[in-house]
Amino acid sequence: MPLKQQLTEDMKTAMRGGEKHRLGVIRLMLAAIKQREVDERIELDDVQTLSVLEKMLKQRKDSVTQFVAANREDLAEVERAEMVIIEAYLPAKLSDDEVDALITAAIAVTGASSARDMGKVVAAVKEKAAGRADMGVVSGRIKARLAG
């Protein structure tokens, strides 16, 4: 079942079950997906939908950091609760060994030999690791591997 359809079904279930907080977060996710579809005039597939959810998760992580810095633990806790619901729709994260294997394979496929080839390697890894790895961390590891 496509991710958007799963979200819609879960929204209906949350409505029937009276789960107000979960319902609100699912509606936020669906609204963000719909907004991107309208903005770009396309129908999002699962990979693109995952990128929207990852962006939402990153926004919440940033908010938690800011709320904790501002000594607003009550607001940080609300964001953390939303993060748990969003994370439930994301695929399991890759281990460090799996990420290293993807990087090694991407370097071999692209024939990368220096930092100038980093973009090709990142694109190849991103295709395989969509939604399952923090691409900021991955690109740092690729840069270190190509530099050394």
C-alpha atoms as a PDB file:
ATOM      1  CA  MET A   1       0.000   0.000   0.000  1.00  0.00           C
ATOM      2  CA  PRO A   2       1.427   3.420  -0.908  1.00  0.00           C
ATOM      3  CA  LEU A   3       2.494   5.570   2.047  1.00  0.00           C
ATOM      4  CA  LYS A   4      -0.080   8.308   1.342  1.00  0.00           C
ATOM      5  CA  GLN A   5      -2.864   5.739   1.306  1.00  0.00           C
ATOM      6  CA  GLN A   6      -1.541   4.246   4.569  1.00  0.00           C
ATOM      7  CA  LEU A   7      -1.593   7.690   6.161  1.00  0.00           C
ATOM      8  CA  THR A   8      -5.181   8.237   5.027  1.00  0.00           C
ATOM      9  CA  GLU A   9      -6.266   4.880   6.461  1.00  0.00           C
ATOM     10  CA  ASP A  10      -4.466   5.599   9.731  1.00  0.00           C
ATOM     11  CA  MET A  11      -6.154   8.999   9.878  1.00  0.00           C
ATOM     12  CA  LYS A  12      -9.553   7.322   9.623  1.00  0.00           C
ATOM     13  CA  THR A  13      -8.579   4.825  12.313  1.00  0.00           C
ATOM     14  CA  ALA A  14      -7.391   7.620  14.610  1.00  0.00           C
ATOM     15  CA  MET A  15     -10.676   9.472  14.037  1.00  0.00           C
ATOM     16  CA  ARG A  16     -12.718   6.399  14.945  1.00  0.00           C
ATOM     17  CA  GLY A  17     -10.519   5.685  17.949  1.00  0.00           C
ATOM     18  CA  GLY A  18     -10.619   9.248  19.270  1.00  0.00           C
ATOM     19  CA  GLU A  19      -6.812   9.584  19.212  1.00  0.00           C
ATOM     20  CA  LYS A  20      -6.748  13.369  18.913  1.00  0.00           C
ATOM     21  CA  HIS A  21      -2.982  13.901  19.119  1.00  0.00           C
ATOM     22  CA  ARG A  22      -2.153  11.161  16.607  1.00  0.00           C
ATOM     23  CA  LEU A  23      -4.918  12.401  14.301  1.00  0.00           C
ATOM     24  CA  GLY A  24      -3.511  15.927  14.409  1.00  0.00           C
ATOM     25  CA  VAL A  25       0.003  14.786  13.501  1.00  0.00           C
ATOM     26  CA  ILE A  26      -1.244  12.579  10.653  1.00  0.00           C
ATOM     27  CA  ARG A  27      -3.270  15.508   9.312  1.00  0.00           C
ATOM     28  CA  LEU A  28      -0.125  17.669   9.445  1.00  0.00           C
ATOM     29  CA  MET A  29       1.768  15.036   7.455  1.00  0.00           C
ATOM     30  CA  LEU A  30      -0.980  14.755   4.842  1.00  0.00           C
ATOM     31  CA  ALA A  31      -1.202  18.552   4.586  1.00  0.00           C
ATOM     32  CA  ALA A  32       2.554  18.841   4.000  1.00  0.00           C
ATOM     33  CA  ILE A  33       2.395  16.146   1.316  1.00  0.00           C
ATOM     34  CA  LYS A  34      -0.584  17.812  -0.369  1.00  0.00           C
ATOM     35  CA  GLN A  35       1.127  21.208  -0.218  1.00  0.00           C
ATOM     36  CA  ARG A  36       4.188  19.869  -2.032  1.00  0.00           C
ATOM     37  CA  GLU A  37       1.957  18.187  -4.633  1.00  0.00           C
ATOM     38  CA  VAL A  38       0.118  21.450  -5.260  1.00  0.00           C
ATOM     39  CA  ASP A  39       3.318  23.527  -5.325  1.00  0.00           C
ATOM     40  CA  GLU A  40       5.060  21.239  -7.799  1.00  0.00           C
ATOM     41  CA  ARG A  41       1.921  20.122  -9.658  1.00  0.00           C
ATOM     42  CA  ILE A  42       2.863  16.453  -9.354  1.00  0.00           C
ATOM     43  CA  GLU A  43       1.640  13.312  -7.622  1.00  0.00           C
ATOM     44  CA  LEU A  44       4.234  12.278  -5.018  1.00  0.00           C
ATOM     45  CA  ASP A  45       5.503   8.708  -4.984  1.00  0.00           C
ATOM     46  CA  ASP A  46       6.673   6.955  -1.813  1.00  0.00           C
ATOM     47  CA  VAL A  47      10.276   8.207  -2.078  1.00  0.00           C
ATOM     48  CA  GLN A  48       9.143  11.818  -2.429  1.00  0.00           C
ATOM     49  CA  THR A  49       6.616  11.343   0.363  1.00  0.00           C
ATOM     50  CA  LEU A  50       9.381  10.022   2.608  1.00  0.00           C
ATOM     51  CA  SER A  51      11.453  13.122   1.883  1.00  0.00           C
ATOM     52  CA  VAL A  52       8.534  15.297   3.054  1.00  0.00           C
ATOM     53  CA  LEU A  53       8.275  13.272   6.272  1.00  0.00           C
ATOM     54  CA  GLU A  54      12.050  13.464   6.813  1.00  0.00           C
ATOM     55  CA  LYS A  55      11.876  17.226   6.447  1.00  0.00           C
ATOM     56  CA  MET A  56       9.092  17.354   9.034  1.00  0.00           C
ATOM     57  CA  LEU A  57      11.157  15.211  11.384  1.00  0.00           C
ATOM     58  CA  LYS A  58      14.188  17.475  10.957  1.00  0.00           C
ATOM     59  CA  GLN A  59      12.037  20.530  11.684  1.00  0.00           C
ATOM     60  CA  ARG A  60      10.867  18.934  14.912  1.00  0.00           C
ATOM     61  CA  LYS A  61      14.425  18.051  15.953  1.00  0.00           C
ATOM     62  CA  ASP A  62      15.442  21.660  15.393  1.00  0.00           C
ATOM     63  CA  SER A  63      12.435  22.843  17.383  1.00  0.00           C
ATOM     64  CA  VAL A  64      13.288  20.539  20.290  1.00  0.00           C
ATOM     65  CA  THR A  65      16.822  21.949  20.369  1.00  0.00           C
ATOM     66  CA  GLN A  66      15.508  25.510  20.418  1.00  0.00           C
ATOM     67  CA  PHE A  67      12.846  24.790  23.038  1.00  0.00           C
ATOM     68  CA  VAL A  68      15.353  23.088  25.334  1.00  0.00           C
ATOM     69  CA  ALA A  69      17.740  26.042  24.922  1.00  0.00           C
ATOM     70  CA  ALA A  70      14.878  28.393  25.818  1.00  0.00           C
ATOM     71  CA  ASN A  71      14.039  26.246  28.876  1.00  0.00           C
ATOM     72  CA  ARG A  72      10.612  25.296  27.480  1.00  0.00           C
ATOM     73  CA  GLU A  73      10.591  21.582  28.203  1.00  0.00           C
ATOM     74  CA  ASP A  74       6.775  21.482  27.876  1.00  0.00           C
ATOM     75  CA  LEU A  75       6.948  22.509  24.215  1.00  0.00           C
ATOM     76  CA  ALA A  76       9.937  20.247  23.563  1.00  0.00           C
ATOM     77  CA  GLU A  77       7.930  17.289  24.869  1.00  0.00           C
ATOM     78  CA  VAL A  78       5.086  18.030  22.411  1.00  0.00           C
ATOM     79  CA  GLU A  79       7.589  18.052  19.542  1.00  0.00           C
ATOM     80  CA  ARG A  80       9.137  14.774  20.734  1.00  0.00           C
ATOM     81  CA  ALA A  81       5.695  13.146  20.809  1.00  0.00           C
ATOM     82  CA  GLU A  82       5.117  14.280  17.212  1.00  0.00           C
ATOM     83  CA  MET A  83       8.533  12.906  16.221  1.00  0.00           C
ATOM     84  CA  VAL A  84       7.572   9.452  17.506  1.00  0.00           C
ATOM     85  CA  ILE A  85       4.456   9.406  15.316  1.00  0.00           C
ATOM     86  CA  ILE A  86       6.329  10.644  12.227  1.00  0.00           C
ATOM     87  CA  GLU A  87       9.190   8.154  12.747  1.00  0.00           C
ATOM     88  CA  ALA A  88       6.675   5.297  12.723  1.00  0.00           C
ATOM     89  CA  TYR A  89       6.122   5.950   8.997  1.00  0.00           C
ATOM     90  CA  LEU A  90       9.813   6.099   8.094  1.00  0.00           C
ATOM     91  CA  PRO A  91      11.757   2.962   7.167  1.00  0.00           C
ATOM     92  CA  ALA A  92      14.308   1.516   9.595  1.00  0.00           C
ATOM     93  CA  LYS A  93      17.622   3.361   9.636  1.00  0.00           C
ATOM     94  CA  LEU A  94      20.705   1.778   8.073  1.00  0.00           C
ATOM     95  CA  SER A  95      23.558   0.665  10.319  1.00  0.00           C
ATOM     96  CA  ASP A  96      27.039   2.177   9.955  1.00  0.00           C
ATOM     97  CA  ASP A  97      28.248  -0.987   8.228  1.00  0.00           C
ATOM     98  CA  GLU A  98      25.366  -0.856   5.725  1.00  0.00           C
ATOM     99  CA  VAL A  99      26.095   2.814   4.980  1.00  0.00           C
ATOM    100  CA  ASP A 100      29.789   2.016   4.470  1.00  0.00           C
ATOM    101  CA  ALA A 101      28.848  -0.804   2.093  1.00  0.00           C
ATOM    102  CA  LEU A 102      26.606   1.558   0.085  1.00  0.00           C
ATOM    103  CA  ILE A 103      29.394   4.143  -0.086  1.00  0.00           C
ATOM    104  CA  THR A 104      31.913   1.532  -1.241  1.00  0.00           C
ATOM    105  CA  ALA A 105      29.520   0.261  -3.907  1.00  0.00           C
ATOM    106  CA  ALA A 106      28.716   3.807  -5.094  1.00  0.00           C
ATOM    107  CA  ILE A 107      32.401   4.685  -5.377  1.00  0.00           C
ATOM    108  CA  ALA A 108      32.996   1.527  -7.416  1.00  0.00           C
ATOM    109  CA  VAL A 109      30.012   2.148  -9.715  1.00  0.00           C
ATOM    110  CA  THR A 110      30.765   5.820 -10.322  1.00  0.00           C
ATOM    111  CA  GLY A 111      34.518   5.341 -10.585  1.00  0.00           C
ATOM    112  CA  ALA A 112      35.043   8.210  -8.131  1.00  0.00           C
ATOM    113  CA  SER A 113      38.657   8.893  -7.214  1.00  0.00           C
ATOM    114  CA  SER A 114      38.729  12.380  -5.709  1.00  0.00           C
ATOM    115  CA  ALA A 115      36.598  14.912  -3.858  1.00  0.00           C
ATOM    116  CA  ARG A 116      35.538  16.366  -7.229  1.00  0.00           C
ATOM    117  CA  ASP A 117      33.484  13.203  -7.808  1.00  0.00           C
ATOM    118  CA  MET A 118      31.634  13.552  -4.505  1.00  0.00           C
ATOM    119  CA  GLY A 119      28.358  14.683  -6.114  1.00  0.00           C
ATOM    120  CA  LYS A 120      28.094  11.503  -8.180  1.00  0.00           C
ATOM    121  CA  VAL A 121      28.723   9.314  -5.144  1.00  0.00           C
ATOM    122  CA  VAL A 122      26.238  11.212  -2.957  1.00  0.00           C
ATOM    123  CA  ALA A 123      23.569  10.918  -5.667  1.00  0.00           C
ATOM    124  CA  ALA A 124      24.167   7.162  -5.984  1.00  0.00           C
ATOM    125  CA  VAL A 125      24.018   6.606  -2.226  1.00  0.00           C
ATOM    126  CA  LYS A 126      20.971   8.863  -1.823  1.00  0.00           C
ATOM    127  CA  GLU A 127      19.078   6.764  -4.354  1.00  0.00           C
ATOM    128  CA  LYS A 128      19.673   3.593  -2.304  1.00  0.00           C
ATOM    129  CA  ALA A 129      19.425   5.081   1.187  1.00  0.00           C
ATOM    130  CA  ALA A 130      16.405   7.325   0.696  1.00  0.00           C
ATOM    131  CA  GLY A 131      14.775   7.816   4.066  1.00  0.00           C
ATOM    132  CA  ARG A 132      17.024   5.340   5.820  1.00  0.00           C
ATOM    133  CA  ALA A 133      20.121   7.429   6.547  1.00  0.00           C
ATOM    134  CA  ASP A 134      20.978  11.011   7.496  1.00  0.00           C
ATOM    135  CA  MET A 135      22.440  12.315   4.246  1.00  0.00           C
ATOM    136  CA  GLY A 136      24.398  15.021   6.087  1.00  0.00           C
ATOM    137  CA  VAL A 137      26.327  12.352   7.973  1.00  0.00           C
ATOM    138  CA  VAL A 138      26.626  10.181   4.858  1.00  0.00           C
ATOM    139  CA  SER A 139      28.066  13.010   2.758  1.00  0.00           C
ATOM    140  CA  GLY A 140      30.638  13.709   5.482  1.00  0.00           C
ATOM    141  CA  ARG A 141      31.690  10.071   5.404  1.00  0.00           C
ATOM    142  CA  ILE A 142      31.888  10.117   1.602  1.00  0.00           C
ATOM    143  CA  LYS A 143      34.033  13.262   1.712  1.00  0.00           C
ATOM    144  CA  ALA A 144      36.392  11.658   4.244  1.00  0.00           C
ATOM    145  CA  ARG A 145      36.654   8.485   2.157  1.00  0.00           C
ATOM    146  CA  LEU A 146      37.371  10.359  -1.077  1.00  0.00           C
ATOM    147  CA  ALA A 147      39.880  12.684   0.579  1.00  0.00           C
ATOM    148  CA  GLY A 148      41.817   9.835   2.176  1.00  0.00           C
END
